[in-house]
PDB file of N, CA and C in Angstrom:
ATOM      1  N   UNK A   1      91.267  72.374  63.697  1.00  0.00           N
ATOM      2  CA  UNK A   1      92.055  73.359  62.992  1.00  0.00           C
ATOM      3  C   UNK A   1      91.529  74.742  63.394  1.00  0.00           C
ATOM      4  N   UNK A   2      92.198  75.404  64.339  1.00  0.00           N
ATOM      5  CA  UNK A   2      91.715  76.691  64.816  1.00  0.00           C
ATOM      6  C   UNK A   2      91.802  77.794  63.757  1.00  0.00           C
ATOM      7  N   UNK A   3      90.751  78.587  63.701  1.00  0.00           N
ATOM      8  CA  UNK A   3      90.770  79.773  62.839  1.00  0.00           C
ATOM      9  C   UNK A   3      91.520  80.866  63.584  1.00  0.00           C
ATOM     10  N   UNK A   4      92.522  81.455  62.924  1.00  0.00           N
ATOM     11  CA  UNK A   4      93.299  82.504  63.583  1.00  0.00           C
ATOM     12  C   UNK A   4      93.032  83.884  62.995  1.00  0.00           C
ATOM     13  N   UNK A   5      92.410  83.951  61.822  1.00  0.00           N
ATOM     14  CA  UNK A   5      92.058  85.246  61.247  1.00  0.00           C
ATOM     15  C   UNK A   5      91.070  85.042  60.111  1.00  0.00           C
ATOM     16  N   UNK A   6      90.425  86.143  59.736  1.00  0.00           N
ATOM     17  CA  UNK A   6      89.505  86.125  58.598  1.00  0.00           C
ATOM     18  C   UNK A   6      89.438  87.546  58.047  1.00  0.00           C
ATOM     19  N   UNK A   7      89.587  87.669  56.732  1.00  0.00           N
ATOM     20  CA  UNK A   7      89.508  88.986  56.096  1.00  0.00           C
ATOM     21  C   UNK A   7      89.175  88.819  54.622  1.00  0.00           C
ATOM     22  N   UNK A   8      88.391  89.734  54.102  1.00  0.00           N
ATOM     23  CA  UNK A   8      88.011  89.759  52.679  1.00  0.00           C
ATOM     24  C   UNK A   8      87.549  88.392  52.164  1.00  0.00           C
ATOM     25  N   UNK A   9      86.814  87.669  52.989  1.00  0.00           N
ATOM     26  CA  UNK A   9      86.308  86.360  52.589  1.00  0.00           C
ATOM     27  C   UNK A   9      87.338  85.248  52.636  1.00  0.00           C
ATOM     28  N   UNK A  10      88.504  85.531  53.196  1.00  0.00           N
ATOM     29  CA  UNK A  10      89.588  84.550  53.297  1.00  0.00           C
ATOM     30  C   UNK A  10      89.662  84.073  54.748  1.00  0.00           C
ATOM     31  N   UNK A  11      89.612  82.769  54.925  1.00  0.00           N
ATOM     32  CA  UNK A  11      89.698  82.163  56.262  1.00  0.00           C
ATOM     33  C   UNK A  11      91.112  81.627  56.458  1.00  0.00           C
ATOM     34  N   UNK A  12      91.744  81.997  57.580  1.00  0.00           N
ATOM     35  CA  UNK A  12      93.103  81.563  57.887  1.00  0.00           C
ATOM     36  C   UNK A  12      93.054  80.618  59.084  1.00  0.00           C
ATOM     37  N   UNK A  13      93.635  79.440  58.920  1.00  0.00           N
ATOM     38  CA  UNK A  13      93.672  78.446  59.992  1.00  0.00           C
ATOM     39  C   UNK A  13      95.088  77.912  60.155  1.00  0.00           C
ATOM     40  N   UNK A  14      95.298  77.267  61.283  1.00  0.00           N
ATOM     41  CA  UNK A  14      96.576  76.609  61.538  1.00  0.00           C
ATOM     42  C   UNK A  14      96.260  75.268  62.197  1.00  0.00           C
ATOM     43  N   UNK A  15      96.945  74.236  61.802  1.00  0.00           N
ATOM     44  CA  UNK A  15      96.672  72.886  62.315  1.00  0.00           C
ATOM     45  C   UNK A  15      97.475  72.591  63.568  1.00  0.00           C
ATOM     46  N   UNK A  16      96.884  71.768  64.431  1.00  0.00           N
ATOM     47  CA  UNK A  16      97.613  71.246  65.582  1.00  0.00           C
ATOM     48  C   UNK A  16      98.691  70.289  65.075  1.00  0.00           C
ATOM     49  N   UNK A  17      99.858  70.345  65.654  1.00  0.00           N
ATOM     50  CA  UNK A  17     100.929  69.369  65.401  1.00  0.00           C
ATOM     51  C   UNK A  17     101.126  69.085  63.912  1.00  0.00           C
ATOM     52  N   UNK A  18     101.171  70.121  63.107  1.00  0.00           N
ATOM     53  CA  UNK A  18     101.295  69.970  61.656  1.00  0.00           C
ATOM     54  C   UNK A  18     102.754  69.740  61.257  1.00  0.00           C
ATOM     55  N   UNK A  19     102.952  69.274  60.040  1.00  0.00           N
ATOM     56  CA  UNK A  19     104.289  68.992  59.513  1.00  0.00           C
ATOM     57  C   UNK A  19     105.024  70.287  59.182  1.00  0.00           C
ATOM     58  N   UNK A  20     106.337  70.198  59.117  1.00  0.00           N
ATOM     59  CA  UNK A  20     107.154  71.341  58.710  1.00  0.00           C
ATOM     60  C   UNK A  20     107.212  71.395  57.188  1.00  0.00           C
ATOM     61  N   UNK A  21     107.541  72.508  56.584  1.00  0.00           N
ATOM     62  CA  UNK A  21     107.946  73.774  57.179  1.00  0.00           C
ATOM     63  C   UNK A  21     106.762  74.492  57.805  1.00  0.00           C
ATOM     64  N   UNK A  22     107.044  75.424  58.728  1.00  0.00           N
ATOM     65  CA  UNK A  22     105.959  76.174  59.356  1.00  0.00           C
ATOM     66  C   UNK A  22     105.072  76.850  58.306  1.00  0.00           C
ATOM     67  N   UNK A  23     103.774  76.625  58.435  1.00  0.00           N
ATOM     68  CA  UNK A  23     102.840  77.160  57.443  1.00  0.00           C
ATOM     69  C   UNK A  23     101.457  77.306  58.066  1.00  0.00           C
ATOM     70  N   UNK A  24     100.596  77.991  57.345  1.00  0.00           N
ATOM     71  CA  UNK A  24      99.197  78.107  57.739  1.00  0.00           C
ATOM     72  C   UNK A  24      98.355  77.777  56.520  1.00  0.00           C
ATOM     73  N   UNK A  25      97.057  77.706  56.710  1.00  0.00           N
ATOM     74  CA  UNK A  25      96.146  77.352  55.626  1.00  0.00           C
ATOM     75  C   UNK A  25      95.226  78.529  55.341  1.00  0.00           C
ATOM     76  N   UNK A  26      95.011  78.796  54.070  1.00  0.00           N
ATOM     77  CA  UNK A  26      94.115  79.870  53.641  1.00  0.00           C
ATOM     78  C   UNK A  26      93.032  79.259  52.766  1.00  0.00           C
ATOM     79  N   UNK A  27      91.791  79.673  53.003  1.00  0.00           N
ATOM     80  CA  UNK A  27      90.650  79.195  52.212  1.00  0.00           C
ATOM     81  C   UNK A  27      89.893  80.403  51.686  1.00  0.00           C
ATOM     82  N   UNK A  28      89.552  80.348  50.416  1.00  0.00           N
ATOM     83  CA  UNK A  28      88.737  81.397  49.799  1.00  0.00           C
ATOM     84  C   UNK A  28      87.786  80.708  48.832  1.00  0.00           C
ATOM     85  N   UNK A  29      86.506  80.672  49.182  1.00  0.00           N
ATOM     86  CA  UNK A  29      85.548  79.935  48.356  1.00  0.00           C
ATOM     87  C   UNK A  29      85.925  78.469  48.321  1.00  0.00           C
ATOM     88  N   UNK A  30      86.039  77.917  47.117  1.00  0.00           N
ATOM     89  CA  UNK A  30      86.414  76.510  46.954  1.00  0.00           C
ATOM     90  C   UNK A  30      87.923  76.305  46.861  1.00  0.00           C
ATOM     91  N   UNK A  31      88.693  77.354  47.019  1.00  0.00           N
ATOM     92  CA  UNK A  31      90.153  77.284  46.877  1.00  0.00           C
ATOM     93  C   UNK A  31      90.807  77.160  48.246  1.00  0.00           C
ATOM     94  N   UNK A  32      91.858  76.345  48.285  1.00  0.00           N
ATOM     95  CA  UNK A  32      92.606  76.139  49.521  1.00  0.00           C
ATOM     96  C   UNK A  32      94.097  76.111  49.211  1.00  0.00           C
ATOM     97  N   UNK A  33      94.881  76.640  50.163  1.00  0.00           N
ATOM     98  CA  UNK A  33      96.325  76.644  49.970  1.00  0.00           C
ATOM     99  C   UNK A  33      97.034  76.571  51.314  1.00  0.00           C
ATOM    100  N   UNK A  34      98.208  75.967  51.296  1.00  0.00           N
ATOM    101  CA  UNK A  34      99.130  76.022  52.425  1.00  0.00           C
ATOM    102  C   UNK A  34     100.123  77.129  52.105  1.00  0.00           C
ATOM    103  N   UNK A  35     100.409  77.971  53.095  1.00  0.00           N
ATOM    104  CA  UNK A  35     101.226  79.162  52.863  1.00  0.00           C
ATOM    105  C   UNK A  35     102.384  79.184  53.855  1.00  0.00           C
ATOM    106  N   UNK A  36     103.585  79.408  53.346  1.00  0.00           N
ATOM    107  CA  UNK A  36     104.781  79.474  54.177  1.00  0.00           C
ATOM    108  C   UNK A  36     104.723  80.677  55.115  1.00  0.00           C
ATOM    109  N   UNK A  37     105.003  80.447  56.383  1.00  0.00           N
ATOM    110  CA  UNK A  37     105.052  81.555  57.337  1.00  0.00           C
ATOM    111  C   UNK A  37     106.264  82.432  57.061  1.00  0.00           C
ATOM    112  N   UNK A  38     107.374  81.860  56.661  1.00  0.00           N
ATOM    113  CA  UNK A  38     108.595  82.649  56.475  1.00  0.00           C
ATOM    114  C   UNK A  38     108.553  83.553  55.248  1.00  0.00           C
ATOM    115  N   UNK A  39     107.829  83.148  54.201  1.00  0.00           N
ATOM    116  CA  UNK A  39     107.849  83.932  52.957  1.00  0.00           C
ATOM    117  C   UNK A  39     106.490  84.463  52.520  1.00  0.00           C
ATOM    118  N   UNK A  40     105.412  83.862  53.016  1.00  0.00           N
ATOM    119  CA  UNK A  40     104.078  84.242  52.550  1.00  0.00           C
ATOM    120  C   UNK A  40     103.717  83.635  51.209  1.00  0.00           C
ATOM    121  N   UNK A  41     104.582  82.781  50.677  1.00  0.00           N
ATOM    122  CA  UNK A  41     104.346  82.140  49.380  1.00  0.00           C
ATOM    123  C   UNK A  41     103.499  80.881  49.548  1.00  0.00           C
ATOM    124  N   UNK A  42     102.682  80.596  48.562  1.00  0.00           N
ATOM    125  CA  UNK A  42     101.899  79.360  48.551  1.00  0.00           C
ATOM    126  C   UNK A  42     102.845  78.188  48.310  1.00  0.00           C
ATOM    127  N   UNK A  43     102.767  77.179  49.183  1.00  0.00           N
ATOM    128  CA  UNK A  43     103.622  76.001  49.021  1.00  0.00           C
ATOM    129  C   UNK A  43     102.833  74.782  48.555  1.00  0.00           C
ATOM    130  N   UNK A  44     101.510  74.861  48.644  1.00  0.00           N
ATOM    131  CA  UNK A  44     100.665  73.775  48.153  1.00  0.00           C
ATOM    132  C   UNK A  44      99.268  74.333  47.922  1.00  0.00           C
ATOM    133  N   UNK A  45      98.593  73.838  46.906  1.00  0.00           N
ATOM    134  CA  UNK A  45      97.249  74.305  46.593  1.00  0.00           C
ATOM    135  C   UNK A  45      97.284  75.586  45.779  1.00  0.00           C
ATOM    136  N   UNK A  46      96.140  76.271  45.738  1.00  0.00           N
ATOM    137  CA  UNK A  46      96.095  77.524  44.994  1.00  0.00           C
ATOM    138  C   UNK A  46      94.950  78.400  45.491  1.00  0.00           C
ATOM    139  N   UNK A  47      95.127  79.687  45.273  1.00  0.00           N
ATOM    140  CA  UNK A  47      94.125  80.698  45.581  1.00  0.00           C
ATOM    141  C   UNK A  47      93.983  81.597  44.363  1.00  0.00           C
ATOM    142  N   UNK A  48      92.832  82.254  44.217  1.00  0.00           N
ATOM    143  CA  UNK A  48      92.726  83.254  43.154  1.00  0.00           C
ATOM    144  C   UNK A  48      93.823  84.315  43.343  1.00  0.00           C
ATOM    145  N   UNK A  49      94.236  84.929  42.255  1.00  0.00           N
ATOM    146  CA  UNK A  49      95.362  85.867  42.267  1.00  0.00           C
ATOM    147  C   UNK A  49      95.216  86.952  43.344  1.00  0.00           C
ATOM    148  N   UNK A  50      94.056  87.600  43.398  1.00  0.00           N
ATOM    149  CA  UNK A  50      93.871  88.674  44.378  1.00  0.00           C
ATOM    150  C   UNK A  50      93.947  88.137  45.798  1.00  0.00           C
ATOM    151  N   UNK A  51      93.316  87.004  46.065  1.00  0.00           N
ATOM    152  CA  UNK A  51      93.363  86.408  47.401  1.00  0.00           C
ATOM    153  C   UNK A  51      94.798  86.043  47.769  1.00  0.00           C
ATOM    154  N   UNK A  52      95.554  85.492  46.836  1.00  0.00           N
ATOM    155  CA  UNK A  52      96.950  85.126  47.092  1.00  0.00           C
ATOM    156  C   UNK A  52      97.770  86.365  47.447  1.00  0.00           C
ATOM    157  N   UNK A  53      97.533  87.457  46.741  1.00  0.00           N
ATOM    158  CA  UNK A  53      98.256  88.703  47.015  1.00  0.00           C
ATOM    159  C   UNK A  53      97.918  89.231  48.410  1.00  0.00           C
ATOM    160  N   UNK A  54      96.633  89.201  48.766  1.00  0.00           N
ATOM    161  CA  UNK A  54      96.207  89.674  50.084  1.00  0.00           C
ATOM    162  C   UNK A  54      96.769  88.799  51.203  1.00  0.00           C
ATOM    163  N   UNK A  55      96.757  87.492  51.006  1.00  0.00           N
ATOM    164  CA  UNK A  55      97.293  86.569  52.014  1.00  0.00           C
ATOM    165  C   UNK A  55      98.787  86.806  52.203  1.00  0.00           C
ATOM    166  N   UNK A  56      99.524  86.980  51.118  1.00  0.00           N
ATOM    167  CA  UNK A  56     100.963  87.224  51.230  1.00  0.00           C
ATOM    168  C   UNK A  56     101.234  88.536  51.962  1.00  0.00           C
ATOM    169  N   UNK A  57     100.503  89.578  51.610  1.00  0.00           N
ATOM    170  CA  UNK A  57     100.670  90.873  52.275  1.00  0.00           C
ATOM    171  C   UNK A  57     100.410  90.734  53.777  1.00  0.00           C
ATOM    172  N   UNK A  58      99.323  90.060  54.126  1.00  0.00           N
ATOM    173  CA  UNK A  58      98.974  89.847  55.530  1.00  0.00           C
ATOM    174  C   UNK A  58     100.058  89.034  56.240  1.00  0.00           C
ATOM    175  N   UNK A  59     100.527  87.966  55.613  1.00  0.00           N
ATOM    176  CA  UNK A  59     101.527  87.089  56.234  1.00  0.00           C
ATOM    177  C   UNK A  59     102.829  87.834  56.507  1.00  0.00           C
ATOM    178  N   UNK A  60     103.234  88.680  55.588  1.00  0.00           N
ATOM    179  CA  UNK A  60     104.465  89.450  55.785  1.00  0.00           C
ATOM    180  C   UNK A  60     104.290  90.426  56.950  1.00  0.00           C
ATOM    181  N   UNK A  61     103.132  91.093  57.011  1.00  0.00           N
ATOM    182  CA  UNK A  61     102.854  92.042  58.096  1.00  0.00           C
ATOM    183  C   UNK A  61     102.749  91.350  59.451  1.00  0.00           C
ATOM    184  N   UNK A  62     102.300  90.122  59.468  1.00  0.00           N
ATOM    185  CA  UNK A  62     101.997  89.415  60.719  1.00  0.00           C
ATOM    186  C   UNK A  62     102.940  88.240  60.983  1.00  0.00           C
ATOM    187  N   UNK A  63     104.133  88.270  60.406  1.00  0.00           N
ATOM    188  CA  UNK A  63     105.053  87.135  60.489  1.00  0.00           C
ATOM    189  C   UNK A  63     105.361  86.726  61.935  1.00  0.00           C
ATOM    190  N   UNK A  64     105.660  87.681  62.797  1.00  0.00           N
ATOM    191  CA  UNK A  64     106.006  87.357  64.184  1.00  0.00           C
ATOM    192  C   UNK A  64     104.819  86.689  64.879  1.00  0.00           C
ATOM    193  N   UNK A  65     103.618  87.214  64.658  1.00  0.00           N
ATOM    194  CA  UNK A  65     102.422  86.625  65.260  1.00  0.00           C
ATOM    195  C   UNK A  65     102.148  85.230  64.699  1.00  0.00           C
ATOM    196  N   UNK A  66     102.399  85.044  63.408  1.00  0.00           N
ATOM    197  CA  UNK A  66     102.214  83.724  62.799  1.00  0.00           C
ATOM    198  C   UNK A  66     103.200  82.711  63.368  1.00  0.00           C
ATOM    199  N   UNK A  67     104.444  83.137  63.571  1.00  0.00           N
ATOM    200  CA  UNK A  67     105.436  82.235  64.165  1.00  0.00           C
ATOM    201  C   UNK A  67     105.003  81.819  65.568  1.00  0.00           C
ATOM    202  N   UNK A  68     104.466  82.760  66.333  1.00  0.00           N
ATOM    203  CA  UNK A  68     103.968  82.450  67.675  1.00  0.00           C
ATOM    204  C   UNK A  68     102.778  81.490  67.612  1.00  0.00           C
ATOM    205  N   UNK A  69     101.877  81.713  66.657  1.00  0.00           N
ATOM    206  CA  UNK A  69     100.718  80.823  66.486  1.00  0.00           C
ATOM    207  C   UNK A  69     101.176  79.415  66.114  1.00  0.00           C
ATOM    208  N   UNK A  70     102.176  79.304  65.240  1.00  0.00           N
ATOM    209  CA  UNK A  70     102.720  78.002  64.849  1.00  0.00           C
ATOM    210  C   UNK A  70     103.266  77.271  66.081  1.00  0.00           C
ATOM    211  N   UNK A  71     104.058  77.984  66.892  1.00  0.00           N
ATOM    212  CA  UNK A  71     104.636  77.365  68.083  1.00  0.00           C
ATOM    213  C   UNK A  71     103.548  76.907  69.050  1.00  0.00           C
ATOM    214  N   UNK A  72     102.521  77.715  69.223  1.00  0.00           N
ATOM    215  CA  UNK A  72     101.413  77.331  70.107  1.00  0.00           C
ATOM    216  C   UNK A  72     100.722  76.074  69.583  1.00  0.00           C
ATOM    217  N   UNK A  73     100.431  76.043  68.299  1.00  0.00           N
ATOM    218  CA  UNK A  73      99.745  74.887  67.713  1.00  0.00           C
ATOM    219  C   UNK A  73     100.602  73.627  67.812  1.00  0.00           C
ATOM    220  N   UNK A  74     101.916  73.770  67.660  1.00  0.00           N
ATOM    221  CA  UNK A  74     102.801  72.612  67.776  1.00  0.00           C
ATOM    222  C   UNK A  74     102.813  72.063  69.198  1.00  0.00           C
ATOM    223  N   UNK A  75     102.569  72.941  70.168  1.00  0.00           N
ATOM    224  CA  UNK A  75     102.502  72.526  71.573  1.00  0.00           C
ATOM    225  C   UNK A  75     101.069  72.170  71.974  1.00  0.00           C
ATOM    226  N   UNK A  76     100.185  72.128  70.991  1.00  0.00           N
ATOM    227  CA  UNK A  76      98.763  71.827  71.175  1.00  0.00           C
ATOM    228  C   UNK A  76      98.088  72.810  72.131  1.00  0.00           C
ATOM    229  N   UNK A  77      98.518  74.089  72.021  1.00  0.00           N
ATOM    230  CA  UNK A  77      97.871  75.181  72.747  1.00  0.00           C
ATOM    231  C   UNK A  77      97.077  76.010  71.743  1.00  0.00           C
ATOM    232  N   UNK A  78      96.046  76.659  72.210  1.00  0.00           N
ATOM    233  CA  UNK A  78      95.217  77.498  71.345  1.00  0.00           C
ATOM    234  C   UNK A  78      96.029  78.703  70.871  1.00  0.00           C
ATOM    235  N   UNK A  79      96.219  78.868  69.560  1.00  0.00           N
ATOM    236  CA  UNK A  79      96.929  80.056  69.076  1.00  0.00           C
ATOM    237  C   UNK A  79      96.060  81.302  69.235  1.00  0.00           C
ATOM    238  N   UNK A  80      96.721  82.433  69.416  1.00  0.00           N
ATOM    239  CA  UNK A  80      96.013  83.703  69.534  1.00  0.00           C
ATOM    240  C   UNK A  80      95.402  84.098  68.195  1.00  0.00           C
ATOM    241  N   UNK A  81      94.287  84.814  68.255  1.00  0.00           N
ATOM    242  CA  UNK A  81      93.695  85.389  67.044  1.00  0.00           C
ATOM    243  C   UNK A  81      94.656  86.457  66.528  1.00  0.00           C
ATOM    244  N   UNK A  82      94.792  86.553  65.218  1.00  0.00           N
ATOM    245  CA  UNK A  82      95.665  87.546  64.593  1.00  0.00           C
ATOM    246  C   UNK A  82      94.790  88.536  63.840  1.00  0.00           C
ATOM    247  N   UNK A  83      95.072  89.806  64.024  1.00  0.00           N
ATOM    248  CA  UNK A  83      94.269  90.857  63.396  1.00  0.00           C
ATOM    249  C   UNK A  83      94.218  90.668  61.881  1.00  0.00           C
ATOM    250  N   UNK A  84      93.082  90.983  61.285  1.00  0.00           N
ATOM    251  CA  UNK A  84      92.950  90.848  59.832  1.00  0.00           C
ATOM    252  C   UNK A  84      93.726  91.921  59.084  1.00  0.00           C
ATOM    253  N   UNK A  85      93.823  91.743  57.799  1.00  0.00           N
ATOM    254  CA  UNK A  85      94.426  92.741  56.926  1.00  0.00           C
ATOM    255  C   UNK A  85      93.500  93.946  56.881  1.00  0.00           C
ATOM    256  N   UNK A  86      94.063  95.120  57.009  1.00  0.00           N
ATOM    257  CA  UNK A  86      93.246  96.336  56.974  1.00  0.00           C
ATOM    258  C   UNK A  86      93.431  97.071  55.671  1.00  0.00           C
TER     259      UNK A  86
END
C-alpha cells in the first residue's frame, strides 16, 4: 500500500488493485478511514473531526492528482507522491 502523502500527522495511502468506488486510505493515530476520491467524504471507518476536515480539504484540492494515483495503482504502477495540505 504505497504512501502518497503525509500531513499534520495524517498518512495517505492507496492500495494496488483496490475495489471501487475510487478511494484512498487515511490514517491518523489509531483511526483509519476509506475516503471517496470524487467527494472527499469518508465511506468507511472514521477519523477525528479535525483530521476528517483536513483530509476532505486536501482531497478536494488534489482531486485530479488522486484520480491519476488511483489509475496508476489499478494498473499496478507506482502512484506519484501528492503534495501535502499547506
